[in-house]
Amino acid sequence: MNISKKKRRWSCGQLKVIGWGKRHGKQRFKCKNCGILFTSNRKEQRIKNRFTWFKKWVLERQTYKTLSRDSGYSIDTLQRTFYTLLEQAPQIKIIKRGQVNLRIDATYFKSFVYWLTRMI
């Protein structure tokens, strides 16, 4: 018994999809409903595409709402993806040392600056 999976268009959700040749060794598909051409998704490629949004979340401090609006992914999908990426983060080993020098910029703390000027 050979059960074939039907391809579903990610934007309109229709099952009216036909094969449309190959490009770079990947099968292409065309949606009969909206006419958009696309290739089938692979998990590795999907994660790689979503990593772009992860970088915007971390480095540019964009909200889930903004990322969801711009990417087209749901907030739940983004959260699931980001937590998966965070769990796979490399562990950083901290080397313990005997002495530690601590430098503090105390200009932010007015009371500390006042105390420091009284001591001098």
PDB file of N, CA and C in Angstrom:
ATOM      1  N   MET A   1       0.848  -1.173   0.000  1.00  0.00           N
ATOM      2  CA  MET A   1       0.000   0.000   0.000  1.00  0.00           C
ATOM      3  C   MET A   1       0.898   1.241   0.000  1.00  0.00           C
ATOM      4  N   ASN A   2       0.810   2.052  -1.021  1.00  0.00           N
ATOM      5  CA  ASN A   2       1.628   3.258  -1.151  1.00  0.00           C
ATOM      6  C   ASN A   2       0.767   4.483  -0.882  1.00  0.00           C
ATOM      7  N   ILE A   3       0.981   5.091   0.255  1.00  0.00           N
ATOM      8  CA  ILE A   3       0.215   6.287   0.616  1.00  0.00           C
ATOM      9  C   ILE A   3       1.097   7.500   0.356  1.00  0.00           C
ATOM     10  N   SER A   4       0.665   8.354  -0.552  1.00  0.00           N
ATOM     11  CA  SER A   4       1.470   9.539  -0.850  1.00  0.00           C
ATOM     12  C   SER A   4       0.966  10.723  -0.033  1.00  0.00           C
ATOM     13  N   LYS A   5       1.907  11.531   0.394  1.00  0.00           N
ATOM     14  CA  LYS A   5       1.547  12.734   1.153  1.00  0.00           C
ATOM     15  C   LYS A   5       1.176  13.832   0.184  1.00  0.00           C
ATOM     16  N   LYS A   6       0.101  14.517   0.457  1.00  0.00           N
ATOM     17  CA  LYS A   6      -0.292  15.666  -0.353  1.00  0.00           C
ATOM     18  C   LYS A   6       0.438  16.887   0.156  1.00  0.00           C
ATOM     19  N   LYS A   7       0.946  17.682  -0.768  1.00  0.00           N
ATOM     20  CA  LYS A   7       1.596  18.931  -0.402  1.00  0.00           C
ATOM     21  C   LYS A   7       0.531  19.978  -0.157  1.00  0.00           C
ATOM     22  N   ARG A   8       0.769  20.805   0.832  1.00  0.00           N
ATOM     23  CA  ARG A   8      -0.186  21.857   1.181  1.00  0.00           C
ATOM     24  C   ARG A   8       0.544  23.188   1.082  1.00  0.00           C
ATOM     25  N   ARG A   9      -0.087  24.162   0.431  1.00  0.00           N
ATOM     26  CA  ARG A   9       0.491  25.491   0.283  1.00  0.00           C
ATOM     27  C   ARG A   9       0.484  26.172   1.632  1.00  0.00           C
ATOM     28  N   TRP A  10       1.660  26.692   2.095  1.00  0.00           N
ATOM     29  CA  TRP A  10       1.785  27.263   3.435  1.00  0.00           C
ATOM     30  C   TRP A  10       1.039  28.576   3.602  1.00  0.00           C
ATOM     31  N   SER A  11       0.836  29.340   2.532  1.00  0.00           N
ATOM     32  CA  SER A  11       0.167  30.642   2.714  1.00  0.00           C
ATOM     33  C   SER A  11      -1.347  30.531   2.642  1.00  0.00           C
ATOM     34  N   CYS A  12      -1.859  29.800   1.667  1.00  0.00           N
ATOM     35  CA  CYS A  12      -3.322  29.719   1.533  1.00  0.00           C
ATOM     36  C   CYS A  12      -3.888  28.426   2.104  1.00  0.00           C
ATOM     37  N   GLY A  13      -3.032  27.425   2.367  1.00  0.00           N
ATOM     38  CA  GLY A  13      -3.477  26.187   2.996  1.00  0.00           C
ATOM     39  C   GLY A  13      -4.192  25.226   2.071  1.00  0.00           C
ATOM     40  N   GLN A  14      -4.223  25.497   0.785  1.00  0.00           N
ATOM     41  CA  GLN A  14      -4.937  24.659  -0.166  1.00  0.00           C
ATOM     42  C   GLN A  14      -4.151  23.397  -0.496  1.00  0.00           C
ATOM     43  N   LEU A  15      -4.880  22.351  -0.851  1.00  0.00           N
ATOM     44  CA  LEU A  15      -4.264  21.104  -1.286  1.00  0.00           C
ATOM     45  C   LEU A  15      -4.188  21.025  -2.809  1.00  0.00           C
ATOM     46  N   LYS A  16      -4.608  22.067  -3.489  1.00  0.00           N
ATOM     47  CA  LYS A  16      -4.585  22.092  -4.951  1.00  0.00           C
ATOM     48  C   LYS A  16      -3.184  22.442  -5.422  1.00  0.00           C
ATOM     49  N   VAL A  17      -2.283  21.474  -5.325  1.00  0.00           N
ATOM     50  CA  VAL A  17      -0.880  21.686  -5.642  1.00  0.00           C
ATOM     51  C   VAL A  17      -0.467  20.666  -6.690  1.00  0.00           C
ATOM     52  N   ILE A  18       0.302  21.107  -7.691  1.00  0.00           N
ATOM     53  CA  ILE A  18       0.801  20.194  -8.720  1.00  0.00           C
ATOM     54  C   ILE A  18       2.312  20.306  -8.799  1.00  0.00           C
ATOM     55  N   GLY A  19       2.957  19.228  -9.254  1.00  0.00           N
ATOM     56  CA  GLY A  19       4.399  19.259  -9.453  1.00  0.00           C
ATOM     57  C   GLY A  19       4.741  20.223 -10.575  1.00  0.00           C
ATOM     58  N   TRP A  20       5.857  20.932 -10.462  1.00  0.00           N
ATOM     59  CA  TRP A  20       6.217  21.951 -11.447  1.00  0.00           C
ATOM     60  C   TRP A  20       7.708  21.864 -11.782  1.00  0.00           C
ATOM     61  N   GLY A  21       8.195  20.646 -12.009  1.00  0.00           N
ATOM     62  CA  GLY A  21       9.585  20.452 -12.404  1.00  0.00           C
ATOM     63  C   GLY A  21      10.533  20.423 -11.220  1.00  0.00           C
ATOM     64  N   LYS A  22      11.828  20.461 -11.566  1.00  0.00           N
ATOM     65  CA  LYS A  22      12.856  20.461 -10.529  1.00  0.00           C
ATOM     66  C   LYS A  22      13.785  21.644 -10.739  1.00  0.00           C
ATOM     67  N   ARG A  23      14.337  22.125  -9.626  1.00  0.00           N
ATOM     68  CA  ARG A  23      15.309  23.205  -9.675  1.00  0.00           C
ATOM     69  C   ARG A  23      16.350  22.936  -8.593  1.00  0.00           C
ATOM     70  N   HIS A  24      17.613  22.953  -8.975  1.00  0.00           N
ATOM     71  CA  HIS A  24      18.712  22.661  -8.064  1.00  0.00           C
ATOM     72  C   HIS A  24      18.510  21.314  -7.374  1.00  0.00           C
ATOM     73  N   GLY A  25      17.947  20.359  -8.109  1.00  0.00           N
ATOM     74  CA  GLY A  25      17.760  19.022  -7.567  1.00  0.00           C
ATOM     75  C   GLY A  25      16.575  18.875  -6.620  1.00  0.00           C
ATOM     76  N   LYS A  26      15.762  19.911  -6.459  1.00  0.00           N
ATOM     77  CA  LYS A  26      14.608  19.847  -5.556  1.00  0.00           C
ATOM     78  C   LYS A  26      13.317  19.924  -6.373  1.00  0.00           C
ATOM     79  N   GLN A  27      12.336  19.143  -5.948  1.00  0.00           N
ATOM     80  CA  GLN A  27      11.035  19.163  -6.600  1.00  0.00           C
ATOM     81  C   GLN A  27      10.330  20.482  -6.307  1.00  0.00           C
ATOM     82  N   ARG A  28       9.826  21.112  -7.365  1.00  0.00           N
ATOM     83  CA  ARG A  28       9.066  22.356  -7.207  1.00  0.00           C
ATOM     84  C   ARG A  28       7.580  22.050  -7.331  1.00  0.00           C
ATOM     85  N   PHE A  29       6.772  22.883  -6.711  1.00  0.00           N
ATOM     86  CA  PHE A  29       5.324  22.726  -6.746  1.00  0.00           C
ATOM     87  C   PHE A  29       4.684  24.071  -7.073  1.00  0.00           C
ATOM     88  N   LYS A  30       3.488  24.006  -7.667  1.00  0.00           N
ATOM     89  CA  LYS A  30       2.734  25.221  -7.960  1.00  0.00           C
ATOM     90  C   LYS A  30       1.340  25.081  -7.375  1.00  0.00           C
ATOM     91  N   CYS A  31       0.913  26.133  -6.663  1.00  0.00           N
ATOM     92  CA  CYS A  31      -0.418  26.136  -6.075  1.00  0.00           C
ATOM     93  C   CYS A  31      -1.421  26.566  -7.144  1.00  0.00           C
ATOM     94  N   LYS A  32      -2.459  25.755  -7.373  1.00  0.00           N
ATOM     95  CA  LYS A  32      -3.483  26.108  -8.361  1.00  0.00           C
ATOM     96  C   LYS A  32      -4.354  27.255  -7.874  1.00  0.00           C
ATOM     97  N   ASN A  33      -4.409  27.445  -6.567  1.00  0.00           N
ATOM     98  CA  ASN A  33      -5.250  28.488  -5.995  1.00  0.00           C
ATOM     99  C   ASN A  33      -4.617  29.873  -6.134  1.00  0.00           C
ATOM    100  N   CYS A  34      -3.351  30.018  -5.704  1.00  0.00           N
ATOM    101  CA  CYS A  34      -2.716  31.345  -5.707  1.00  0.00           C
ATOM    102  C   CYS A  34      -1.590  31.471  -6.734  1.00  0.00           C
ATOM    103  N   GLY A  35      -1.172  30.354  -7.369  1.00  0.00           N
ATOM    104  CA  GLY A  35      -0.178  30.407  -8.435  1.00  0.00           C
ATOM    105  C   GLY A  35       1.266  30.559  -7.989  1.00  0.00           C
ATOM    106  N   ILE A  36       1.525  30.479  -6.704  1.00  0.00           N
ATOM    107  CA  ILE A  36       2.887  30.652  -6.194  1.00  0.00           C
ATOM    108  C   ILE A  36       3.655  29.344  -6.337  1.00  0.00           C
ATOM    109  N   LEU A  37       4.925  29.468  -6.767  1.00  0.00           N
ATOM    110  CA  LEU A  37       5.801  28.306  -6.863  1.00  0.00           C
ATOM    111  C   LEU A  37       6.581  28.158  -5.562  1.00  0.00           C
ATOM    112  N   PHE A  38       6.788  26.914  -5.127  1.00  0.00           N
ATOM    113  CA  PHE A  38       7.539  26.671  -3.902  1.00  0.00           C
ATOM    114  C   PHE A  38       8.154  25.287  -3.950  1.00  0.00           C
ATOM    115  N   THR A  39       9.123  25.032  -3.067  1.00  0.00           N
ATOM    116  CA  THR A  39       9.731  23.709  -2.943  1.00  0.00           C
ATOM    117  C   THR A  39       9.275  23.101  -1.627  1.00  0.00           C
ATOM    118  N   SER A  40       9.416  21.797  -1.520  1.00  0.00           N
ATOM    119  CA  SER A  40       9.008  21.139  -0.282  1.00  0.00           C
ATOM    120  C   SER A  40       9.965  21.522   0.840  1.00  0.00           C
ATOM    121  N   ASN A  41       9.448  21.525   2.034  1.00  0.00           N
ATOM    122  CA  ASN A  41      10.241  21.933   3.195  1.00  0.00           C
ATOM    123  C   ASN A  41      11.056  20.778   3.749  1.00  0.00           C
ATOM    124  N   ARG A  42      12.276  21.108   4.158  1.00  0.00           N
ATOM    125  CA  ARG A  42      13.103  20.184   4.913  1.00  0.00           C
ATOM    126  C   ARG A  42      13.305  20.808   6.279  1.00  0.00           C
ATOM    127  N   LYS A  43      13.404  19.970   7.302  1.00  0.00           N
ATOM    128  CA  LYS A  43      13.520  20.464   8.676  1.00  0.00           C
ATOM    129  C   LYS A  43      14.752  21.343   8.846  1.00  0.00           C
ATOM    130  N   GLU A  44      15.899  20.938   8.269  1.00  0.00           N
ATOM    131  CA  GLU A  44      17.127  21.725   8.408  1.00  0.00           C
ATOM    132  C   GLU A  44      16.961  23.113   7.798  1.00  0.00           C
ATOM    133  N   GLN A  45      16.340  23.159   6.636  1.00  0.00           N
ATOM    134  CA  GLN A  45      16.137  24.441   5.959  1.00  0.00           C
ATOM    135  C   GLN A  45      15.146  25.309   6.728  1.00  0.00           C
ATOM    136  N   ARG A  46      14.122  24.688   7.282  1.00  0.00           N
ATOM    137  CA  ARG A  46      13.125  25.419   8.050  1.00  0.00           C
ATOM    138  C   ARG A  46      13.770  26.099   9.261  1.00  0.00           C
ATOM    139  N   ILE A  47      14.617  25.361   9.991  1.00  0.00           N
ATOM    140  CA  ILE A  47      15.297  25.919  11.157  1.00  0.00           C
ATOM    141  C   ILE A  47      16.230  27.046  10.730  1.00  0.00           C
ATOM    142  N   LYS A  48      16.936  26.849   9.624  1.00  0.00           N
ATOM    143  CA  LYS A  48      17.853  27.874   9.120  1.00  0.00           C
ATOM    144  C   LYS A  48      17.091  29.156   8.768  1.00  0.00           C
ATOM    145  N   ASN A  49      15.935  29.022   8.137  1.00  0.00           N
ATOM    146  CA  ASN A  49      15.127  30.193   7.784  1.00  0.00           C
ATOM    147  C   ASN A  49      14.611  30.913   9.027  1.00  0.00           C
ATOM    148  N   ARG A  50      14.242  30.158  10.040  1.00  0.00           N
ATOM    149  CA  ARG A  50      13.713  30.767  11.268  1.00  0.00           C
ATOM    150  C   ARG A  50      14.817  31.364  12.138  1.00  0.00           C
ATOM    151  N   PHE A  51      16.069  30.955  11.917  1.00  0.00           N
ATOM    152  CA  PHE A  51      17.186  31.505  12.684  1.00  0.00           C
ATOM    153  C   PHE A  51      17.327  33.001  12.418  1.00  0.00           C
ATOM    154  N   THR A  52      16.952  33.438  11.236  1.00  0.00           N
ATOM    155  CA  THR A  52      16.959  34.871  10.907  1.00  0.00           C
ATOM    156  C   THR A  52      16.086  35.637  11.878  1.00  0.00           C
ATOM    157  N   TRP A  53      14.921  35.101  12.175  1.00  0.00           N
ATOM    158  CA  TRP A  53      13.997  35.767  13.097  1.00  0.00           C
ATOM    159  C   TRP A  53      14.502  35.673  14.523  1.00  0.00           C
ATOM    160  N   PHE A  54      15.212  34.587  14.856  1.00  0.00           N
ATOM    161  CA  PHE A  54      15.818  34.430  16.175  1.00  0.00           C
ATOM    162  C   PHE A  54      16.864  35.518  16.408  1.00  0.00           C
ATOM    163  N   LYS A  55      17.686  35.794  15.384  1.00  0.00           N
ATOM    164  CA  LYS A  55      18.696  36.845  15.506  1.00  0.00           C
ATOM    165  C   LYS A  55      18.041  38.212  15.722  1.00  0.00           C
ATOM    166  N   LYS A  56      16.937  38.454  15.028  1.00  0.00           N
ATOM    167  CA  LYS A  56      16.238  39.730  15.222  1.00  0.00           C
ATOM    168  C   LYS A  56      15.676  39.827  16.635  1.00  0.00           C
ATOM    169  N   TRP A  57      15.228  38.710  17.182  1.00  0.00           N
ATOM    170  CA  TRP A  57      14.677  38.682  18.536  1.00  0.00           C
ATOM    171  C   TRP A  57      15.771  38.954  19.564  1.00  0.00           C
ATOM    172  N   VAL A  58      16.946  38.344  19.369  1.00  0.00           N
ATOM    173  CA  VAL A  58      18.032  38.477  20.335  1.00  0.00           C
ATOM    174  C   VAL A  58      18.788  39.795  20.163  1.00  0.00           C
ATOM    175  N   LEU A  59      19.242  40.065  18.954  1.00  0.00           N
ATOM    176  CA  LEU A  59      20.111  41.215  18.730  1.00  0.00           C
ATOM    177  C   LEU A  59      19.369  42.543  18.603  1.00  0.00           C
ATOM    178  N   GLU A  60      18.218  42.526  17.951  1.00  0.00           N
ATOM    179  CA  GLU A  60      17.471  43.765  17.739  1.00  0.00           C
ATOM    180  C   GLU A  60      16.335  43.953  18.748  1.00  0.00           C
ATOM    181  N   ARG A  61      16.181  42.988  19.642  1.00  0.00           N
ATOM    182  CA  ARG A  61      15.169  43.019  20.701  1.00  0.00           C
ATOM    183  C   ARG A  61      13.748  43.271  20.174  1.00  0.00           C
ATOM    184  N   GLN A  62      13.418  42.617  19.065  1.00  0.00           N
ATOM    185  CA  GLN A  62      12.064  42.748  18.526  1.00  0.00           C
ATOM    186  C   GLN A  62      11.112  41.839  19.294  1.00  0.00           C
ATOM    187  N   THR A  63       9.875  42.267  19.396  1.00  0.00           N
ATOM    188  CA  THR A  63       8.872  41.501  20.145  1.00  0.00           C
ATOM    189  C   THR A  63       8.339  40.352  19.299  1.00  0.00           C
ATOM    190  N   TYR A  64       7.723  39.378  19.969  1.00  0.00           N
ATOM    191  CA  TYR A  64       7.092  38.273  19.248  1.00  0.00           C
ATOM    192  C   TYR A  64       6.017  38.787  18.306  1.00  0.00           C
ATOM    193  N   LYS A  65       5.288  39.784  18.754  1.00  0.00           N
ATOM    194  CA  LYS A  65       4.197  40.318  17.934  1.00  0.00           C
ATOM    195  C   LYS A  65       4.738  40.897  16.623  1.00  0.00           C
ATOM    196  N   THR A  66       5.815  41.659  16.704  1.00  0.00           N
ATOM    197  CA  THR A  66       6.420  42.256  15.517  1.00  0.00           C
ATOM    198  C   THR A  66       6.998  41.175  14.612  1.00  0.00           C
ATOM    199  N   LEU A  67       7.698  40.216  15.212  1.00  0.00           N
ATOM    200  CA  LEU A  67       8.281  39.133  14.432  1.00  0.00           C
ATOM    201  C   LEU A  67       7.202  38.299  13.747  1.00  0.00           C
ATOM    202  N   SER A  68       6.108  38.052  14.445  1.00  0.00           N
ATOM    203  CA  SER A  68       5.014  37.282  13.879  1.00  0.00           C
ATOM    204  C   SER A  68       4.401  38.012  12.684  1.00  0.00           C
ATOM    205  N   ARG A  69       4.226  39.308  12.834  1.00  0.00           N
ATOM    206  CA  ARG A  69       3.658  40.113  11.746  1.00  0.00           C
ATOM    207  C   ARG A  69       4.569  40.109  10.527  1.00  0.00           C
ATOM    208  N   ASP A  70       5.877  40.271  10.743  1.00  0.00           N
ATOM    209  CA  ASP A  70       6.817  40.368   9.627  1.00  0.00           C
ATOM    210  C   ASP A  70       7.127  39.025   8.977  1.00  0.00           C
ATOM    211  N   SER A  71       7.158  37.959   9.775  1.00  0.00           N
ATOM    212  CA  SER A  71       7.566  36.652   9.243  1.00  0.00           C
ATOM    213  C   SER A  71       6.405  35.823   8.709  1.00  0.00           C
ATOM    214  N   GLY A  72       5.217  36.043   9.256  1.00  0.00           N
ATOM    215  CA  GLY A  72       4.079  35.214   8.869  1.00  0.00           C
ATOM    216  C   GLY A  72       3.929  33.978   9.739  1.00  0.00           C
ATOM    217  N   TYR A  73       4.868  33.736  10.666  1.00  0.00           N
ATOM    218  CA  TYR A  73       4.767  32.624  11.604  1.00  0.00           C
ATOM    219  C   TYR A  73       3.929  33.056  12.797  1.00  0.00           C
ATOM    220  N   SER A  74       3.265  32.095  13.432  1.00  0.00           N
ATOM    221  CA  SER A  74       2.500  32.416  14.636  1.00  0.00           C
ATOM    222  C   SER A  74       3.464  32.650  15.799  1.00  0.00           C
ATOM    223  N   ILE A  75       2.984  33.317  16.826  1.00  0.00           N
ATOM    224  CA  ILE A  75       3.798  33.571  18.014  1.00  0.00           C
ATOM    225  C   ILE A  75       4.206  32.251  18.660  1.00  0.00           C
ATOM    226  N   ASP A  76       3.293  31.279  18.713  1.00  0.00           N
ATOM    227  CA  ASP A  76       3.605  29.967  19.296  1.00  0.00           C
ATOM    228  C   ASP A  76       4.722  29.266  18.529  1.00  0.00           C
ATOM    229  N   THR A  77       4.682  29.341  17.202  1.00  0.00           N
ATOM    230  CA  THR A  77       5.721  28.719  16.383  1.00  0.00           C
ATOM    231  C   THR A  77       7.066  29.368  16.641  1.00  0.00           C
ATOM    232  N   LEU A  78       7.095  30.696  16.722  1.00  0.00           N
ATOM    233  CA  LEU A  78       8.339  31.411  16.995  1.00  0.00           C
ATOM    234  C   LEU A  78       8.884  31.044  18.369  1.00  0.00           C
ATOM    235  N   GLN A  79       8.022  31.016  19.378  1.00  0.00           N
ATOM    236  CA  GLN A  79       8.469  30.669  20.728  1.00  0.00           C
ATOM    237  C   GLN A  79       9.038  29.254  20.772  1.00  0.00           C
ATOM    238  N   ARG A  80       8.348  28.305  20.151  1.00  0.00           N
ATOM    239  CA  ARG A  80       8.818  26.923  20.112  1.00  0.00           C
ATOM    240  C   ARG A  80      10.190  26.834  19.446  1.00  0.00           C
ATOM    241  N   THR A  81      10.338  27.529  18.335  1.00  0.00           N
ATOM    242  CA  THR A  81      11.608  27.518  17.605  1.00  0.00           C
ATOM    243  C   THR A  81      12.720  28.150  18.416  1.00  0.00           C
ATOM    244  N   PHE A  82      12.441  29.296  19.042  1.00  0.00           N
ATOM    245  CA  PHE A  82      13.464  30.008  19.812  1.00  0.00           C
ATOM    246  C   PHE A  82      13.908  29.199  21.030  1.00  0.00           C
ATOM    247  N   TYR A  83      12.968  28.564  21.723  1.00  0.00           N
ATOM    248  CA  TYR A  83      13.330  27.755  22.881  1.00  0.00           C
ATOM    249  C   TYR A  83      14.169  26.551  22.454  1.00  0.00           C
ATOM    250  N   THR A  84      13.863  25.973  21.305  1.00  0.00           N
ATOM    251  CA  THR A  84      14.663  24.864  20.780  1.00  0.00           C
ATOM    252  C   THR A  84      16.080  25.330  20.493  1.00  0.00           C
ATOM    253  N   LEU A  85      16.215  26.500  19.868  1.00  0.00           N
ATOM    254  CA  LEU A  85      17.541  27.038  19.573  1.00  0.00           C
ATOM    255  C   LEU A  85      18.303  27.377  20.852  1.00  0.00           C
ATOM    256  N   LEU A  86      17.606  27.895  21.857  1.00  0.00           N
ATOM    257  CA  LEU A  86      18.267  28.229  23.117  1.00  0.00           C
ATOM    258  C   LEU A  86      18.751  26.976  23.851  1.00  0.00           C
ATOM    259  N   GLU A  87      17.998  25.892  23.753  1.00  0.00           N
ATOM    260  CA  GLU A  87      18.408  24.643  24.392  1.00  0.00           C
ATOM    261  C   GLU A  87      19.651  24.058  23.734  1.00  0.00           C
ATOM    262  N   GLN A  88      19.868  24.366  22.456  1.00  0.00           N
ATOM    263  CA  GLN A  88      21.010  23.841  21.721  1.00  0.00           C
ATOM    264  C   GLN A  88      22.230  24.758  21.806  1.00  0.00           C
ATOM    265  N   ALA A  89      22.142  25.819  22.581  1.00  0.00           N
ATOM    266  CA  ALA A  89      23.251  26.770  22.690  1.00  0.00           C
ATOM    267  C   ALA A  89      24.460  26.087  23.318  1.00  0.00           C
ATOM    268  N   PRO A  90      25.647  26.449  22.868  1.00  0.00           N
ATOM    269  CA  PRO A  90      26.848  25.828  23.448  1.00  0.00           C
ATOM    270  C   PRO A  90      27.075  26.290  24.883  1.00  0.00           C
ATOM    271  N   GLN A  91      27.612  25.403  25.689  1.00  0.00           N
ATOM    272  CA  GLN A  91      27.920  25.724  27.077  1.00  0.00           C
ATOM    273  C   GLN A  91      29.279  26.414  27.141  1.00  0.00           C
ATOM    274  N   ILE A  92      29.363  27.479  27.903  1.00  0.00           N
ATOM    275  CA  ILE A  92      30.610  28.214  28.052  1.00  0.00           C
ATOM    276  C   ILE A  92      31.224  27.835  29.395  1.00  0.00           C
ATOM    277  N   LYS A  93      32.454  27.379  29.346  1.00  0.00           N
ATOM    278  CA  LYS A  93      33.140  26.990  30.565  1.00  0.00           C
ATOM    279  C   LYS A  93      33.834  28.211  31.147  1.00  0.00           C
ATOM    280  N   ILE A  94      33.582  28.489  32.406  1.00  0.00           N
ATOM    281  CA  ILE A  94      34.182  29.626  33.088  1.00  0.00           C
ATOM    282  C   ILE A  94      35.366  29.125  33.903  1.00  0.00           C
ATOM    283  N   ILE A  95      36.500  29.723  33.662  1.00  0.00           N
ATOM    284  CA  ILE A  95      37.712  29.334  34.376  1.00  0.00           C
ATOM    285  C   ILE A  95      37.770  30.115  35.687  1.00  0.00           C
ATOM    286  N   LYS A  96      37.934  29.391  36.794  1.00  0.00           N
ATOM    287  CA  LYS A  96      38.032  30.041  38.097  1.00  0.00           C
ATOM    288  C   LYS A  96      39.450  30.549  38.301  1.00  0.00           C
ATOM    289  N   ARG A  97      39.534  31.734  38.825  1.00  0.00           N
ATOM    290  CA  ARG A  97      40.838  32.316  39.119  1.00  0.00           C
ATOM    291  C   ARG A  97      40.878  32.731  40.575  1.00  0.00           C
ATOM    292  N   GLY A  98      42.076  32.847  41.110  1.00  0.00           N
ATOM    293  CA  GLY A  98      42.244  33.213  42.510  1.00  0.00           C
ATOM    294  C   GLY A  98      41.807  34.637  42.806  1.00  0.00           C
ATOM    295  N   GLN A  99      42.283  35.583  42.021  1.00  0.00           N
ATOM    296  CA  GLN A  99      41.951  36.984  42.257  1.00  0.00           C
ATOM    297  C   GLN A  99      41.089  37.509  41.115  1.00  0.00           C
ATOM    298  N   VAL A 100      40.177  38.376  41.481  1.00  0.00           N
ATOM    299  CA  VAL A 100      39.320  39.021  40.498  1.00  0.00           C
ATOM    300  C   VAL A 100      39.348  40.509  40.751  1.00  0.00           C
ATOM    301  N   ASN A 101      39.560  41.286  39.713  1.00  0.00           N
ATOM    302  CA  ASN A 101      39.507  42.740  39.816  1.00  0.00           C
ATOM    303  C   ASN A 101      38.161  43.206  39.289  1.00  0.00           C
ATOM    304  N   LEU A 102      37.525  44.055  40.050  1.00  0.00           N
ATOM    305  CA  LEU A 102      36.202  44.539  39.692  1.00  0.00           C
ATOM    306  C   LEU A 102      36.270  46.035  39.472  1.00  0.00           C
ATOM    307  N   ARG A 103      35.828  46.470  38.300  1.00  0.00           N
ATOM    308  CA  ARG A 103      35.805  47.897  37.989  1.00  0.00           C
ATOM    309  C   ARG A 103      34.344  48.319  37.888  1.00  0.00           C
ATOM    310  N   ILE A 104      33.981  49.347  38.644  1.00  0.00           N
ATOM    311  CA  ILE A 104      32.597  49.810  38.690  1.00  0.00           C
ATOM    312  C   ILE A 104      32.554  51.268  38.291  1.00  0.00           C
ATOM    313  N   ASP A 105      31.609  51.575  37.406  1.00  0.00           N
ATOM    314  CA  ASP A 105      31.363  52.969  37.060  1.00  0.00           C
ATOM    315  C   ASP A 105      30.312  53.473  38.034  1.00  0.00           C
ATOM    316  N   ALA A 106      30.739  54.252  39.013  1.00  0.00           N
ATOM    317  CA  ALA A 106      29.856  54.657  40.104  1.00  0.00           C
ATOM    318  C   ALA A 106      29.154  55.976  39.841  1.00  0.00           C
ATOM    319  N   THR A 107      29.324  56.550  38.680  1.00  0.00           N
ATOM    320  CA  THR A 107      28.662  57.836  38.403  1.00  0.00           C
ATOM    321  C   THR A 107      27.145  57.693  38.374  1.00  0.00           C
ATOM    322  N   TYR A 108      26.674  56.504  38.155  1.00  0.00           N
ATOM    323  CA  TYR A 108      25.234  56.278  38.137  1.00  0.00           C
ATOM    324  C   TYR A 108      24.638  56.371  39.540  1.00  0.00           C
ATOM    325  N   PHE A 109      25.391  55.972  40.527  1.00  0.00           N
ATOM    326  CA  PHE A 109      24.903  55.947  41.894  1.00  0.00           C
ATOM    327  C   PHE A 109      25.293  57.244  42.601  1.00  0.00           C
ATOM    328  N   LYS A 110      24.355  58.155  42.740  1.00  0.00           N
ATOM    329  CA  LYS A 110      24.652  59.469  43.321  1.00  0.00           C
ATOM    330  C   LYS A 110      25.133  59.351  44.764  1.00  0.00           C
ATOM    331  N   SER A 111      24.531  58.503  45.540  1.00  0.00           N
ATOM    332  CA  SER A 111      24.935  58.385  46.941  1.00  0.00           C
ATOM    333  C   SER A 111      26.360  57.842  47.064  1.00  0.00           C
ATOM    334  N   PHE A 112      26.736  56.950  46.171  1.00  0.00           N
ATOM    335  CA  PHE A 112      28.088  56.409  46.195  1.00  0.00           C
ATOM    336  C   PHE A 112      29.110  57.484  45.824  1.00  0.00           C
ATOM    337  N   VAL A 113      28.756  58.285  44.830  1.00  0.00           N
ATOM    338  CA  VAL A 113      29.649  59.382  44.424  1.00  0.00           C
ATOM    339  C   VAL A 113      29.794  60.368  45.579  1.00  0.00           C
ATOM    340  N   TYR A 114      28.693  60.676  46.277  1.00  0.00           N
ATOM    341  CA  TYR A 114      28.736  61.587  47.422  1.00  0.00           C
ATOM    342  C   TYR A 114      29.633  61.004  48.518  1.00  0.00           C
ATOM    343  N   TRP A 115      29.458  59.701  48.796  1.00  0.00           N
ATOM    344  CA  TRP A 115      30.265  59.033  49.808  1.00  0.00           C
ATOM    345  C   TRP A 115      31.735  59.035  49.419  1.00  0.00           C
ATOM    346  N   LEU A 116      32.011  58.776  48.136  1.00  0.00           N
ATOM    347  CA  LEU A 116      33.370  58.729  47.656  1.00  0.00           C
ATOM    348  C   LEU A 116      34.040  60.099  47.753  1.00  0.00           C
ATOM    349  N   THR A 117      33.340  61.173  47.441  1.00  0.00           N
ATOM    350  CA  THR A 117      33.920  62.518  47.519  1.00  0.00           C
ATOM    351  C   THR A 117      34.167  62.917  48.974  1.00  0.00           C
ATOM    352  N   ARG A 118      33.362  62.435  49.896  1.00  0.00           N
ATOM    353  CA  ARG A 118      33.560  62.749  51.316  1.00  0.00           C
ATOM    354  C   ARG A 118      34.778  62.025  51.860  1.00  0.00           C
ATOM    355  N   MET A 119      35.103  60.856  51.269  1.00  0.00           N
ATOM    356  CA  MET A 119      36.227  60.063  51.738  1.00  0.00           C
ATOM    357  C   MET A 119      37.588  60.653  51.301  1.00  0.00           C
ATOM    358  N   ILE A 120      37.549  61.359  50.202  1.00  0.00           N
ATOM    359  CA  ILE A 120      38.824  61.871  49.647  1.00  0.00           C
ATOM    360  C   ILE A 120      39.221  63.158  50.294  1.00  0.00           C
TER     361      ILE A 120
END
